[in-house]
Amino acid sequence: MKGRKKPPEDSLFISEIEPPAKGRKIITDSHPDAPRGFALKVTSTGTRVFVLRYYVEGKDRLMKIGDHPTWSLAAARSAAAEKIRAIDGGADPLQEKRARREAPTVAAAVQRYTATHLERLRSADDAKRYFQKDVLPELGSMKVAQVRRADVVELVEAKARTAPRAARALLGHLKHFLAWCELREIIKLSPAHGIKPASVDRAMKPNKRGRVLDDAEVRALWAGVDACGMHKLSAIALKLVLVTGQRPGEVAGMHRREIRNNVWTVPASRRGKTADDHAVPLTHTALDLLKQAEVEVARLSKRRGDEPTGFVLEMKGGEPITVRALAKAAERFRLELGNQDHPTFGFWTPHDLRRTARTGLAAEGVIAEIAERVVGHVQTGIIGVYDRHRYDIEKRAALEAWERRLLRIVKPDESVSAKVISPVGSQG
């Protein structure tokens, strides 16, 4: 630096530079190795920042390299030299930084894509559901240009583990969206280009799954989720899927307004086009899990300094836990949960817990018609049209039978007796 009495590498020298009375002063580095425009900016507050002054199309630019002493003089010089080489090649680092900052997020691009493109298509509603349910929760906050091929593959593979056919549709919607972004130069090249369903995961093949956990796996899961370090709400969610036999997505999105008199009513809006509201009697074990979730959500909300919004499995931002988060938790802690690789169906997924509950109902002698109603399968044909009986008593008896069987499996050394739950008013 001009007027120095010690070598520029000496941090003590830079620290001793007297700050201006007000404003700032910029001291150009006159060392032979210093790139043109490299300087030190010193403010009246004593802050010292390495900067680079350059010109593009006659415009004066001043960009920050790094703060001193976090950045050494040698490191700052080297970084500035790289910037100068890029500038000589036609780049404008500050403009590129501004462009990156102003680049649209996936959420913003999806909104524009929906308004200008999707609304004209017959598949608009279907595509919107995939974006809202699968894409935006995971990628919405990312810049479109930051989305990598691996992000697309991971998202589709996670869907494929529980819904292979839906994963194919998801991939198709993602490819159309990213191609639209490429055409409008939001990105240079779609990261989904060339990805084919068969090349992503074997689970993309629409094979019918039949994975059911055996007693040893159920026992390992029940003990493992609480001891493996998994997020408490993820552990509760997996147990609730197993106890109630309901879909992971329905469990994940459970809201306390849906629970009354020890019955959880899943609204039709969360069950698909052809489904009605679905009443799920809550057993003693299910109610205990809901209480655990309430305590955990209250603890997390207090730590964050916000108020719970009512979701039973509420995460940061007031949103419920996602199905993908459950799938990732089950995959991450496979070893701790005793999740064995089945020769035909592979490792179990959260949806397989629902199938395990349905199988357990049959093993307890529950007739197929009641068992199907318990897990919420849509009734078809004449029965679906004319039989509007709710079967609440029969469903409660069936779920209590499954609860007794489950507790015999997970607590073999304890005497498990039937615990009949009487309505006690609104829950939550």
Protein backbone atom coordinates (compact mmCIF):
# COMPACT_ATOMS: atom_id res chain seq x y z
CA MET A 1 0.00 0.00 0.00
CA LYS A 2 1.20 3.57 -0.63
CA GLY A 3 3.24 5.07 2.20
CA ARG A 4 3.77 1.75 3.95
CA LYS A 5 6.82 1.27 6.15
CA LYS A 6 6.43 -2.53 6.43
CA PRO A 7 5.84 -5.30 3.90
CA PRO A 8 2.18 -5.51 2.66
CA GLU A 9 1.97 -9.06 3.97
CA ASP A 10 2.26 -7.70 7.50
CA SER A 11 -1.29 -7.65 8.92
CA LEU A 12 -0.12 -5.44 11.75
CA PHE A 13 0.67 -2.69 9.23
CA ILE A 14 -2.88 -2.81 7.78
CA SER A 15 -4.40 -2.75 11.25
CA GLU A 16 -2.41 0.38 12.12
CA ILE A 17 -3.79 2.45 9.23
CA GLU A 18 -5.61 5.44 10.69
CA PRO A 19 -9.35 5.50 9.81
CA PRO A 20 -10.72 8.72 8.25
CA ALA A 21 -12.74 11.10 10.43
CA LYS A 22 -15.80 10.33 8.34
CA GLY A 23 -16.71 8.41 5.23
CA ARG A 24 -14.03 6.17 3.78
CA LYS A 25 -10.64 6.22 2.15
CA ILE A 26 -9.33 3.85 -0.49
CA ILE A 27 -5.63 3.02 -0.51
CA THR A 28 -4.37 1.52 -3.78
CA ASP A 29 -1.90 -1.34 -3.52
CA SER A 30 1.31 -0.35 -5.36
CA HIS A 31 3.07 -3.66 -4.86
CA PRO A 32 4.49 -5.08 -8.15
CA ASP A 33 2.41 -8.27 -7.73
CA ALA A 34 -0.84 -6.40 -7.08
CA PRO A 35 -3.42 -6.58 -9.91
CA ARG A 36 -4.65 -3.26 -11.28
CA GLY A 37 -7.46 -1.71 -9.29
CA PHE A 38 -6.75 -3.74 -6.13
CA ALA A 39 -7.04 -1.59 -2.99
CA LEU A 40 -7.90 -1.45 0.69
CA LYS A 41 -11.02 0.44 1.80
CA VAL A 42 -10.91 1.85 5.33
CA THR A 43 -14.08 3.35 6.84
CA SER A 44 -14.51 5.80 9.69
CA THR A 45 -15.64 2.92 11.91
CA GLY A 46 -12.29 1.19 11.43
CA THR A 47 -13.54 -1.54 9.09
CA ARG A 48 -10.92 -2.66 6.56
CA VAL A 49 -12.05 -4.32 3.34
CA PHE A 50 -10.07 -5.46 0.30
CA VAL A 51 -11.75 -4.18 -2.87
CA LEU A 52 -11.27 -4.19 -6.63
CA ARG A 53 -12.03 -1.19 -8.85
CA TYR A 54 -12.61 -1.95 -12.51
CA TYR A 55 -14.35 -0.47 -15.55
CA VAL A 56 -16.86 -2.11 -17.90
CA GLU A 57 -18.20 -0.16 -20.90
CA GLY A 58 -17.07 3.05 -19.26
CA LYS A 59 -18.82 2.31 -15.98
CA ASP A 60 -16.83 2.47 -12.74
CA ARG A 61 -17.31 -0.63 -10.57
CA LEU A 62 -16.09 -1.23 -7.01
CA MET A 63 -16.51 -4.78 -5.74
CA LYS A 64 -15.68 -6.33 -2.40
CA ILE A 65 -13.05 -9.06 -2.22
CA GLY A 66 -13.09 -9.75 1.52
CA ASP A 67 -12.74 -8.32 5.01
CA HIS A 68 -9.41 -7.97 6.78
CA PRO A 69 -8.16 -9.81 8.81
CA THR A 70 -10.45 -12.69 7.72
CA TRP A 71 -8.74 -12.38 4.35
CA SER A 72 -4.97 -12.05 4.28
CA LEU A 73 -3.38 -9.59 1.89
CA ALA A 74 -1.89 -12.41 -0.18
CA ALA A 75 -5.22 -14.25 -0.48
CA ALA A 76 -7.07 -11.05 -1.42
CA ARG A 77 -4.47 -10.21 -4.09
CA SER A 78 -4.80 -13.68 -5.58
CA ALA A 79 -8.61 -13.48 -5.67
CA ALA A 80 -8.48 -10.02 -7.24
CA ALA A 81 -6.09 -11.28 -9.92
CA GLU A 82 -8.58 -14.02 -10.84
CA LYS A 83 -11.36 -11.44 -11.10
CA ILE A 84 -9.22 -9.24 -13.36
CA ARG A 85 -8.51 -12.17 -15.69
CA ALA A 86 -12.27 -12.81 -15.93
CA ILE A 87 -12.96 -9.12 -16.56
CA ASP A 88 -10.35 -9.04 -19.32
CA GLY A 89 -12.27 -11.92 -20.88
CA GLY A 90 -15.46 -9.87 -21.00
CA ALA A 91 -17.03 -10.73 -17.61
CA ASP A 92 -18.65 -8.27 -15.22
CA PRO A 93 -18.50 -9.90 -11.73
CA LEU A 94 -20.79 -7.37 -10.05
CA GLN A 95 -23.44 -7.62 -12.79
CA GLU A 96 -23.26 -11.42 -12.66
CA LYS A 97 -23.67 -11.35 -8.88
CA ARG A 98 -26.67 -9.03 -9.22
CA ALA A 99 -28.18 -11.33 -11.86
CA ARG A 100 -27.75 -14.35 -9.59
CA ARG A 101 -29.39 -12.48 -6.72
CA GLU A 102 -32.34 -11.42 -8.89
CA ALA A 103 -32.71 -14.81 -10.61
CA PRO A 104 -36.12 -16.40 -9.94
CA THR A 105 -36.60 -19.12 -7.39
CA VAL A 106 -38.32 -22.35 -8.33
CA ALA A 107 -41.45 -21.12 -6.53
CA ALA A 108 -41.51 -17.87 -8.51
CA ALA A 109 -40.87 -19.64 -11.81
CA VAL A 110 -43.58 -22.22 -11.08
CA GLN A 111 -46.03 -19.39 -10.40
CA ARG A 112 -45.22 -17.81 -13.76
CA TYR A 113 -45.25 -21.19 -15.51
CA THR A 114 -48.67 -21.95 -14.06
CA ALA A 115 -50.15 -18.59 -15.08
CA THR A 116 -48.75 -18.46 -18.62
CA HIS A 117 -48.59 -22.11 -19.62
CA LEU A 118 -50.34 -24.61 -17.38
CA GLU A 119 -53.71 -22.89 -17.30
CA ARG A 120 -54.19 -23.71 -20.97
CA LEU A 121 -53.66 -27.45 -20.50
CA ARG A 122 -56.15 -30.15 -19.53
CA SER A 123 -53.59 -31.57 -17.10
CA ALA A 124 -53.28 -28.24 -15.23
CA ASP A 125 -54.93 -29.39 -11.99
CA ASP A 126 -52.91 -32.60 -11.91
CA ALA A 127 -49.64 -30.74 -12.52
CA LYS A 128 -50.44 -28.13 -9.86
CA ARG A 129 -50.91 -30.86 -7.25
CA TYR A 130 -47.50 -32.35 -8.02
CA PHE A 131 -45.81 -28.96 -7.79
CA GLN A 132 -47.57 -28.04 -4.54
CA LYS A 133 -47.17 -31.41 -2.86
CA ASP A 134 -43.78 -32.64 -4.09
CA VAL A 135 -41.73 -29.94 -5.82
CA LEU A 136 -42.22 -26.71 -3.88
CA PRO A 137 -41.70 -28.13 -0.35
CA GLU A 138 -38.27 -29.42 -1.38
CA LEU A 139 -37.04 -27.09 -4.13
CA GLY A 140 -39.26 -24.00 -3.90
CA SER A 141 -36.74 -21.74 -2.17
CA MET A 142 -33.86 -22.66 -4.51
CA LYS A 143 -32.92 -20.57 -7.51
CA VAL A 144 -33.92 -22.41 -10.69
CA ALA A 145 -30.32 -22.13 -11.86
CA GLN A 146 -29.16 -23.89 -8.68
CA VAL A 147 -31.26 -27.02 -9.30
CA ARG A 148 -28.93 -29.86 -10.20
CA ARG A 149 -29.59 -33.10 -12.02
CA ALA A 150 -29.05 -34.89 -8.69
CA ASP A 151 -31.85 -32.82 -7.09
CA VAL A 152 -34.29 -33.95 -9.78
CA VAL A 153 -33.25 -37.58 -9.48
CA GLU A 154 -33.46 -37.54 -5.66
CA LEU A 155 -36.93 -35.98 -5.72
CA VAL A 156 -38.28 -38.50 -8.22
CA GLU A 157 -36.63 -41.47 -6.51
CA ALA A 158 -38.17 -40.48 -3.17
CA LYS A 159 -41.60 -40.45 -4.83
CA ALA A 160 -40.91 -43.75 -6.56
CA ARG A 161 -40.33 -45.56 -3.28
CA THR A 162 -43.98 -45.20 -2.34
CA ALA A 163 -45.74 -44.34 -5.60
CA PRO A 164 -43.92 -45.53 -8.76
CA ARG A 165 -46.62 -44.44 -11.20
CA ALA A 166 -46.91 -41.02 -9.58
CA ALA A 167 -43.11 -40.72 -9.78
CA ARG A 168 -43.31 -41.10 -13.55
CA ALA A 169 -45.89 -38.34 -13.73
CA LEU A 170 -43.80 -36.13 -11.42
CA LEU A 171 -40.74 -36.57 -13.62
CA GLY A 172 -42.80 -35.65 -16.68
CA HIS A 173 -44.10 -32.42 -15.09
CA LEU A 174 -40.60 -31.48 -13.90
CA LYS A 175 -39.11 -32.01 -17.36
CA HIS A 176 -41.80 -29.85 -18.99
CA PHE A 177 -41.29 -27.09 -16.42
CA LEU A 178 -37.49 -27.06 -16.70
CA ALA A 179 -37.67 -27.15 -20.50
CA TRP A 180 -39.98 -24.12 -20.30
CA CYS A 181 -37.38 -22.37 -18.10
CA GLU A 182 -34.64 -23.23 -20.61
CA LEU A 183 -36.68 -21.83 -23.53
CA ARG A 184 -37.09 -18.53 -21.67
CA GLU A 185 -33.37 -18.44 -20.76
CA ILE A 186 -34.04 -18.64 -17.04
CA ILE A 187 -31.52 -21.46 -17.14
CA LYS A 188 -28.99 -22.40 -19.80
CA LEU A 189 -29.79 -26.10 -19.88
CA SER A 190 -32.48 -28.18 -18.19
CA PRO A 191 -30.95 -30.46 -15.53
CA ALA A 192 -33.70 -32.99 -16.29
CA HIS A 193 -32.76 -33.33 -19.95
CA GLY A 194 -32.32 -36.97 -20.92
CA ILE A 195 -33.52 -38.44 -17.60
CA LYS A 196 -35.69 -41.48 -18.31
CA PRO A 197 -37.92 -43.23 -15.73
CA ALA A 198 -36.13 -46.54 -16.08
CA SER A 199 -32.74 -44.92 -15.55
CA VAL A 200 -33.69 -43.28 -12.25
CA ASP A 201 -34.62 -46.18 -10.02
CA ARG A 202 -35.89 -49.71 -10.28
CA ALA A 203 -38.81 -48.62 -8.13
CA MET A 204 -39.98 -46.49 -11.09
CA LYS A 205 -41.15 -49.70 -12.70
CA PRO A 206 -44.86 -49.98 -11.89
CA ASN A 207 -44.54 -53.24 -10.00
CA LYS A 208 -47.11 -53.93 -7.34
CA ARG A 209 -45.49 -53.80 -3.91
CA GLY A 210 -46.27 -56.36 -1.27
CA ARG A 211 -43.80 -55.48 1.48
CA VAL A 212 -45.12 -56.32 4.96
CA LEU A 213 -42.97 -56.03 8.09
CA ASP A 214 -42.63 -59.23 10.09
CA ASP A 215 -42.88 -59.21 13.89
CA ALA A 216 -39.13 -58.78 14.38
CA GLU A 217 -39.05 -55.78 12.04
CA VAL A 218 -42.07 -54.20 13.76
CA ARG A 219 -40.38 -54.66 17.14
CA ALA A 220 -37.10 -53.17 15.85
CA LEU A 221 -38.93 -50.20 14.34
CA TRP A 222 -40.92 -49.45 17.48
CA ALA A 223 -37.84 -49.44 19.69
CA GLY A 224 -35.47 -47.96 17.14
CA VAL A 225 -37.31 -44.76 16.19
CA ASP A 226 -37.03 -43.44 19.74
CA ALA A 227 -33.39 -44.39 20.24
CA CYS A 228 -31.70 -43.78 16.88
CA GLY A 229 -31.58 -39.98 16.95
CA MET A 230 -34.41 -39.49 14.48
CA HIS A 231 -36.41 -36.26 14.76
CA LYS A 232 -39.07 -36.82 17.42
CA LEU A 233 -41.95 -35.85 15.12
CA SER A 234 -40.71 -38.19 12.38
CA ALA A 235 -40.63 -41.04 14.90
CA ILE A 236 -44.18 -40.24 16.05
CA ALA A 237 -45.41 -40.02 12.45
CA LEU A 238 -44.04 -43.46 11.54
CA LYS A 239 -45.66 -44.97 14.60
CA LEU A 240 -48.98 -43.28 13.79
CA VAL A 241 -48.98 -44.74 10.27
CA LEU A 242 -48.47 -48.20 11.77
CA VAL A 243 -51.06 -47.74 14.55
CA THR A 244 -53.82 -46.18 12.43
CA GLY A 245 -53.16 -47.86 9.09
CA GLN A 246 -53.65 -44.56 7.24
CA ARG A 247 -51.62 -43.13 4.37
CA PRO A 248 -48.35 -41.39 5.31
CA GLY A 249 -49.50 -38.22 3.57
CA GLU A 250 -52.74 -38.14 5.56
CA VAL A 251 -50.87 -38.68 8.82
CA ALA A 252 -48.24 -36.06 7.95
CA GLY A 253 -50.89 -33.40 7.26
CA MET A 254 -53.06 -34.16 10.30
CA HIS A 255 -54.55 -31.04 11.91
CA ARG A 256 -56.02 -30.80 15.39
CA ARG A 257 -59.30 -29.45 14.01
CA GLU A 258 -59.75 -32.87 12.37
CA ILE A 259 -59.80 -34.62 15.77
CA ARG A 260 -62.93 -34.70 17.92
CA ASN A 261 -64.29 -37.18 20.47
CA ASN A 262 -61.31 -39.49 19.94
CA VAL A 263 -62.06 -39.75 16.22
CA TRP A 264 -59.81 -38.35 13.51
CA THR A 265 -61.76 -37.35 10.40
CA VAL A 266 -59.57 -37.06 7.33
CA PRO A 267 -61.34 -34.55 5.05
CA ALA A 268 -62.12 -35.51 1.47
CA SER A 269 -59.94 -32.61 0.29
CA ARG A 270 -56.88 -34.52 1.51
CA ARG A 271 -57.92 -37.89 0.10
CA GLY A 272 -58.32 -37.45 -3.66
CA LYS A 273 -61.12 -36.73 -6.09
CA THR A 274 -63.28 -39.82 -5.53
CA ALA A 275 -63.01 -40.10 -1.76
CA ASP A 276 -65.31 -38.90 1.01
CA ASP A 277 -64.39 -37.79 4.52
CA HIS A 278 -62.86 -40.74 6.35
CA ALA A 279 -63.39 -41.33 10.08
CA VAL A 280 -60.54 -43.06 11.95
CA PRO A 281 -61.28 -44.10 15.57
CA LEU A 282 -58.23 -43.35 17.71
CA THR A 283 -57.04 -46.04 20.09
CA HIS A 284 -55.25 -45.54 23.39
CA THR A 285 -51.85 -45.85 21.70
CA ALA A 286 -52.79 -43.38 18.94
CA LEU A 287 -54.01 -40.83 21.51
CA ASP A 288 -50.80 -41.23 23.47
CA LEU A 289 -48.76 -40.53 20.33
CA LEU A 290 -50.85 -37.42 19.63
CA LYS A 291 -50.13 -36.20 23.15
CA GLN A 292 -46.41 -36.76 22.63
CA ALA A 293 -46.61 -34.78 19.39
CA GLU A 294 -48.43 -31.91 21.15
CA VAL A 295 -45.71 -31.69 23.78
CA GLU A 296 -42.93 -31.76 21.17
CA VAL A 297 -44.57 -29.14 18.93
CA ALA A 298 -45.05 -26.86 21.96
CA ARG A 299 -41.38 -27.31 22.89
CA LEU A 300 -40.18 -26.52 19.37
CA SER A 301 -42.50 -23.51 19.05
CA LYS A 302 -41.28 -22.09 22.35
CA ARG A 303 -37.67 -22.49 21.22
CA ARG A 304 -38.42 -20.73 17.91
CA GLY A 305 -40.50 -18.04 19.58
CA ASP A 306 -43.65 -18.62 17.52
CA GLU A 307 -47.13 -20.05 18.06
CA PRO A 308 -48.27 -23.50 16.84
CA THR A 309 -50.63 -23.35 13.86
CA GLY A 310 -52.50 -26.54 14.71
CA PHE A 311 -50.77 -29.20 12.65
CA VAL A 312 -50.18 -32.27 14.80
CA LEU A 313 -46.73 -32.81 13.30
CA GLU A 314 -45.78 -29.16 12.79
CA MET A 315 -42.27 -28.32 11.69
CA LYS A 316 -40.44 -25.02 11.20
CA GLY A 317 -42.46 -22.35 9.41
CA GLY A 318 -45.80 -23.59 10.66
CA GLU A 319 -45.97 -26.32 8.02
CA PRO A 320 -46.57 -30.03 8.65
CA ILE A 321 -43.90 -32.65 8.19
CA THR A 322 -43.62 -33.96 4.62
CA VAL A 323 -43.93 -37.50 3.30
CA ARG A 324 -40.52 -37.12 1.75
CA ALA A 325 -39.05 -36.27 5.14
CA LEU A 326 -40.51 -39.51 6.54
CA ALA A 327 -39.11 -41.53 3.63
CA LYS A 328 -35.68 -39.94 4.08
CA ALA A 329 -35.77 -40.61 7.84
CA ALA A 330 -36.62 -44.28 7.27
CA GLU A 331 -33.83 -44.55 4.71
CA ARG A 332 -31.23 -42.72 6.80
CA PHE A 333 -31.78 -44.90 9.86
CA ARG A 334 -32.25 -48.23 8.08
CA LEU A 335 -29.67 -50.03 10.20
CA GLU A 336 -30.97 -48.67 13.51
CA LEU A 337 -34.57 -49.56 12.57
CA GLY A 338 -33.70 -53.10 11.56
CA ASN A 339 -34.89 -52.37 8.01
CA GLN A 340 -33.84 -55.44 6.07
CA ASP A 341 -33.47 -55.63 2.28
CA HIS A 342 -36.32 -57.92 1.17
CA PRO A 343 -35.29 -60.11 -1.83
CA THR A 344 -38.36 -59.03 -3.82
CA PHE A 345 -39.50 -55.67 -2.46
CA GLY A 346 -36.32 -54.18 -1.00
CA PHE A 347 -36.32 -52.05 2.14
CA TRP A 348 -39.61 -51.08 3.74
CA THR A 349 -40.99 -47.59 3.26
CA PRO A 350 -43.47 -45.59 5.37
CA HIS A 351 -46.32 -46.75 3.12
CA ASP A 352 -45.43 -50.37 3.90
CA LEU A 353 -46.32 -49.66 7.55
CA ARG A 354 -49.89 -49.07 6.38
CA ARG A 355 -49.87 -52.39 4.50
CA THR A 356 -48.52 -54.05 7.65
CA ALA A 357 -51.46 -52.68 9.65
CA ARG A 358 -53.93 -53.93 7.02
CA THR A 359 -52.31 -57.38 7.15
CA GLY A 360 -52.47 -57.31 10.96
CA LEU A 361 -56.19 -56.60 10.83
CA ALA A 362 -56.71 -59.70 8.70
CA ALA A 363 -54.55 -61.74 11.06
CA GLU A 364 -56.83 -60.71 13.94
CA GLY A 365 -59.87 -62.04 12.09
CA VAL A 366 -61.27 -58.70 10.94
CA ILE A 367 -63.38 -59.33 7.83
CA ALA A 368 -62.12 -57.81 4.61
CA GLU A 369 -65.01 -55.33 4.21
CA ILE A 370 -64.33 -53.76 7.62
CA ALA A 371 -60.54 -53.88 7.24
CA GLU A 372 -60.79 -52.07 3.91
CA ARG A 373 -62.97 -49.38 5.48
CA VAL A 374 -60.51 -49.01 8.36
CA VAL A 375 -57.62 -48.15 6.03
CA GLY A 376 -59.85 -45.88 3.97
CA HIS A 377 -59.97 -47.72 0.66
CA VAL A 378 -62.72 -46.31 -1.54
CA GLN A 379 -65.66 -48.70 -1.86
CA THR A 380 -66.72 -49.33 -5.45
CA GLY A 381 -69.72 -50.82 -7.21
CA ILE A 382 -73.13 -51.19 -5.56
CA ILE A 383 -71.64 -51.18 -2.04
CA GLY A 384 -69.91 -47.89 -2.68
CA VAL A 385 -73.08 -46.30 -4.07
CA TYR A 386 -75.76 -47.56 -1.66
CA ASP A 387 -74.03 -48.53 1.59
CA ARG A 388 -73.53 -45.22 3.39
CA HIS A 389 -73.24 -46.66 6.89
CA ARG A 390 -70.13 -45.27 8.66
CA TYR A 391 -69.19 -48.50 10.47
CA ASP A 392 -67.65 -46.47 13.30
CA ILE A 393 -68.24 -49.15 15.98
CA GLU A 394 -66.86 -51.91 13.78
CA LYS A 395 -63.82 -49.85 12.79
CA ARG A 396 -63.02 -49.02 16.40
CA ALA A 397 -63.25 -52.68 17.39
CA ALA A 398 -60.97 -53.59 14.47
CA LEU A 399 -58.35 -50.98 15.35
CA GLU A 400 -58.39 -52.00 19.01
CA ALA A 401 -57.82 -55.62 17.93
CA TRP A 402 -54.87 -54.47 15.82
CA GLU A 403 -53.58 -52.40 18.75
CA ARG A 404 -53.62 -55.44 21.04
CA ARG A 405 -51.73 -57.47 18.46
CA LEU A 406 -49.21 -54.67 17.91
CA LEU A 407 -48.55 -54.26 21.63
CA ARG A 408 -48.05 -58.01 22.02
CA ILE A 409 -45.38 -57.74 19.33
CA VAL A 410 -43.55 -54.66 20.64
CA LYS A 411 -43.98 -55.45 24.35
CA PRO A 412 -43.91 -59.26 24.51
CA ASP A 413 -43.02 -59.32 28.21
CA GLU A 414 -45.97 -57.20 29.31
CA SER A 415 -49.52 -58.29 29.87
CA VAL A 416 -51.60 -56.35 27.36
CA SER A 417 -55.30 -56.03 28.02
CA ALA A 418 -57.96 -54.35 25.92
CA LYS A 419 -58.31 -50.65 26.57
CA VAL A 420 -61.64 -49.34 25.34
CA ILE A 421 -61.65 -45.63 24.66
CA SER A 422 -64.79 -43.68 25.46
CA PRO A 423 -65.38 -40.27 23.86
CA VAL A 424 -64.10 -37.54 26.12
CA GLY A 425 -64.78 -34.46 24.01
CA SER A 426 -62.74 -32.52 21.52
CA GLN A 427 -59.03 -33.33 21.22
CA GLY A 428 -57.09 -30.16 20.54
